[in-house]
C-alpha atoms as a PDB file:
ATOM      1  CA  UNK A   1      29.737 -21.512 -20.538  1.00  0.00           C
ATOM      2  CA  UNK A   2      28.865 -23.670 -17.612  1.00  0.00           C
ATOM      3  CA  UNK A   3      29.066 -20.731 -15.238  1.00  0.00           C
ATOM      4  CA  UNK A   4      26.603 -18.672 -17.599  1.00  0.00           C
ATOM      5  CA  UNK A   5      24.154 -21.630 -17.610  1.00  0.00           C
ATOM      6  CA  UNK A   6      24.154 -21.787 -13.860  1.00  0.00           C
ATOM      7  CA  UNK A   7      23.439 -18.083 -13.516  1.00  0.00           C
ATOM      8  CA  UNK A   8      20.573 -18.275 -15.985  1.00  0.00           C
ATOM      9  CA  UNK A   9      19.109 -21.235 -14.197  1.00  0.00           C
ATOM     10  CA  UNK A  10      19.558 -19.397 -10.820  1.00  0.00           C
ATOM     11  CA  UNK A  11      17.809 -16.229 -12.153  1.00  0.00           C
ATOM     12  CA  UNK A  12      14.844 -18.101 -13.683  1.00  0.00           C
ATOM     13  CA  UNK A  13      14.372 -20.035 -10.399  1.00  0.00           C
ATOM     14  CA  UNK A  14      14.378 -16.821  -8.362  1.00  0.00           C
ATOM     15  CA  UNK A  15      11.929 -15.267 -10.850  1.00  0.00           C
ATOM     16  CA  UNK A  16       9.434 -18.174 -10.589  1.00  0.00           C
ATOM     17  CA  UNK A  17       9.640 -18.264  -6.843  1.00  0.00           C
ATOM     18  CA  UNK A  18       9.003 -14.527  -6.584  1.00  0.00           C
ATOM     19  CA  UNK A  19       6.061 -14.871  -9.044  1.00  0.00           C
ATOM     20  CA  UNK A  20       4.522 -17.670  -7.030  1.00  0.00           C
ATOM     21  CA  UNK A  21       4.435 -15.480  -3.835  1.00  0.00           C
ATOM     22  CA  UNK A  22       2.667 -12.598  -5.350  1.00  0.00           C
ATOM     23  CA  UNK A  23      -1.148 -12.675  -5.717  1.00  0.00           C
ATOM     24  CA  UNK A  24      -2.216 -10.828  -8.811  1.00  0.00           C
ATOM     25  CA  UNK A  25      -4.607  -7.916  -8.336  1.00  0.00           C
ATOM     26  CA  UNK A  26      -7.224  -9.644 -10.422  1.00  0.00           C
ATOM     27  CA  UNK A  27      -7.137 -12.799  -8.285  1.00  0.00           C
ATOM     28  CA  UNK A  28      -7.233 -10.658  -5.189  1.00  0.00           C
ATOM     29  CA  UNK A  29     -10.212  -8.781  -6.465  1.00  0.00           C
ATOM     30  CA  UNK A  30     -12.048 -12.007  -7.120  1.00  0.00           C
ATOM     31  CA  UNK A  31     -11.201 -13.393  -3.729  1.00  0.00           C
ATOM     32  CA  UNK A  32     -12.381 -10.138  -1.917  1.00  0.00           C
ATOM     33  CA  UNK A  33     -15.574 -10.054  -4.014  1.00  0.00           C
ATOM     34  CA  UNK A  34     -16.364 -13.698  -3.241  1.00  0.00           C
ATOM     35  CA  UNK A  35     -15.561 -13.212   0.560  1.00  0.00           C
ATOM     36  CA  UNK A  36     -18.064 -10.270   0.734  1.00  0.00           C
ATOM     37  CA  UNK A  37     -20.762 -12.102  -1.175  1.00  0.00           C
ATOM     38  CA  UNK A  38     -20.399 -15.138   1.081  1.00  0.00           C
ATOM     39  CA  UNK A  39     -20.441 -12.975   4.268  1.00  0.00           C
ATOM     40  CA  UNK A  40     -23.661 -11.275   3.230  1.00  0.00           C
ATOM     41  CA  UNK A  41     -25.176 -14.581   2.358  1.00  0.00           C
ATOM     42  CA  UNK A  42     -24.312 -15.765   5.881  1.00  0.00           C
ATOM     43  CA  UNK A  43     -26.220 -12.680   7.249  1.00  0.00           C
ATOM     44  CA  UNK A  44     -29.249 -13.697   5.170  1.00  0.00           C
ATOM     45  CA  UNK A  45     -28.644 -10.962   2.554  1.00  0.00           C
ATOM     46  CA  UNK A  46     -28.138 -11.100  -1.148  1.00  0.00           C
ATOM     47  CA  UNK A  47     -25.269  -9.101  -2.645  1.00  0.00           C
ATOM     48  CA  UNK A  48     -24.927  -8.804  -6.377  1.00  0.00           C
ATOM     49  CA  UNK A  49     -21.564  -7.144  -7.248  1.00  0.00           C
ATOM     50  CA  UNK A  50     -21.706  -4.731 -10.242  1.00  0.00           C
ATOM     51  CA  UNK A  51     -17.977  -3.521  -9.853  1.00  0.00           C
ATOM     52  CA  UNK A  52     -15.099  -3.796  -7.561  1.00  0.00           C
ATOM     53  CA  UNK A  53     -11.974  -1.556  -8.079  1.00  0.00           C
ATOM     54  CA  UNK A  54      -8.938  -1.947  -5.849  1.00  0.00           C
ATOM     55  CA  UNK A  55      -5.877   0.191  -5.858  1.00  0.00           C
ATOM     56  CA  UNK A  56      -2.522  -0.563  -4.280  1.00  0.00           C
ATOM     57  CA  UNK A  57      -2.096   1.437  -1.115  1.00  0.00           C
ATOM     58  CA  UNK A  58       0.755   1.493   1.376  1.00  0.00           C
ATOM     59  CA  UNK A  59       2.757  -1.690   2.075  1.00  0.00           C
ATOM     60  CA  UNK A  60       0.728  -4.695   1.033  1.00  0.00           C
ATOM     61  CA  UNK A  61      -2.660  -3.133   1.421  1.00  0.00           C
ATOM     62  CA  UNK A  62      -5.240  -2.078  -1.053  1.00  0.00           C
ATOM     63  CA  UNK A  63      -8.246   0.391  -0.881  1.00  0.00           C
ATOM     64  CA  UNK A  64     -11.251   0.330  -3.195  1.00  0.00           C
ATOM     65  CA  UNK A  65     -14.885   0.819  -4.001  1.00  0.00           C
ATOM     66  CA  UNK A  66     -17.486  -1.858  -4.344  1.00  0.00           C
ATOM     67  CA  UNK A  67     -20.762  -1.119  -6.188  1.00  0.00           C
ATOM     68  CA  UNK A  68     -23.683  -3.380  -6.426  1.00  0.00           C
ATOM     69  CA  UNK A  69     -27.154  -4.391  -5.212  1.00  0.00           C
ATOM     70  CA  UNK A  70     -27.829  -5.500  -1.527  1.00  0.00           C
ATOM     71  CA  UNK A  71     -31.281  -7.033  -1.309  1.00  0.00           C
ATOM     72  CA  UNK A  72     -32.376  -5.208  -4.474  1.00  0.00           C
ATOM     73  CA  UNK A  73     -31.138  -1.774  -3.394  1.00  0.00           C
ATOM     74  CA  UNK A  74     -28.219   0.139  -4.955  1.00  0.00           C
ATOM     75  CA  UNK A  75     -25.263   0.178  -2.552  1.00  0.00           C
ATOM     76  CA  UNK A  76     -21.617   1.415  -2.406  1.00  0.00           C
ATOM     77  CA  UNK A  77     -18.934   0.033  -0.034  1.00  0.00           C
ATOM     78  CA  UNK A  78     -15.536   1.620   0.767  1.00  0.00           C
ATOM     79  CA  UNK A  79     -13.220  -1.558   0.957  1.00  0.00           C
ATOM     80  CA  UNK A  80      -9.934  -1.981   2.609  1.00  0.00           C
ATOM     81  CA  UNK A  81      -7.795  -5.085   2.133  1.00  0.00           C
ATOM     82  CA  UNK A  82      -4.665  -6.126   3.935  1.00  0.00           C
ATOM     83  CA  UNK A  83      -2.849  -8.629   1.729  1.00  0.00           C
ATOM     84  CA  UNK A  84      -0.373 -11.004   3.177  1.00  0.00           C
ATOM     85  CA  UNK A  85       0.125 -13.486   0.109  1.00  0.00           C
ATOM     86  CA  UNK A  86      -2.235 -16.279   0.649  1.00  0.00           C
ATOM     87  CA  UNK A  87      -4.061 -14.617   3.508  1.00  0.00           C
ATOM     88  CA  UNK A  88      -5.991 -11.434   3.353  1.00  0.00           C
ATOM     89  CA  UNK A  89      -8.137  -9.329   5.621  1.00  0.00           C
ATOM     90  CA  UNK A  90     -11.157  -7.491   4.134  1.00  0.00           C
ATOM     91  CA  UNK A  91     -12.983  -4.569   5.884  1.00  0.00           C
ATOM     92  CA  UNK A  92     -15.853  -2.609   4.188  1.00  0.00           C
ATOM     93  CA  UNK A  93     -18.104   0.115   5.237  1.00  0.00           C
ATOM     94  CA  UNK A  94     -21.368   0.957   3.538  1.00  0.00           C
ATOM     95  CA  UNK A  95     -21.417   4.593   2.227  1.00  0.00           C
ATOM     96  CA  UNK A  96     -24.453   6.647   3.382  1.00  0.00           C
END
């Protein structure tokens, strides 16, 4: 009985540690959106995000599409995210 209890405690601890290291896609989407809006504000622009869809790519990366309005004009960006847990790198390119 004692051995079974130790195994259960160990399994639950491992599961909780694993869950703490993984950033949910929803949280990552929010962080990416916020980073892009803040960057554009720093450039003197106003970005209003209509939608941001990210899909899991290779390794810890994501690709996606952001649609919105930049200074009142409709825009679409191709977005690439490298996710390293708490740190992430976002690159985006305006579609022509």
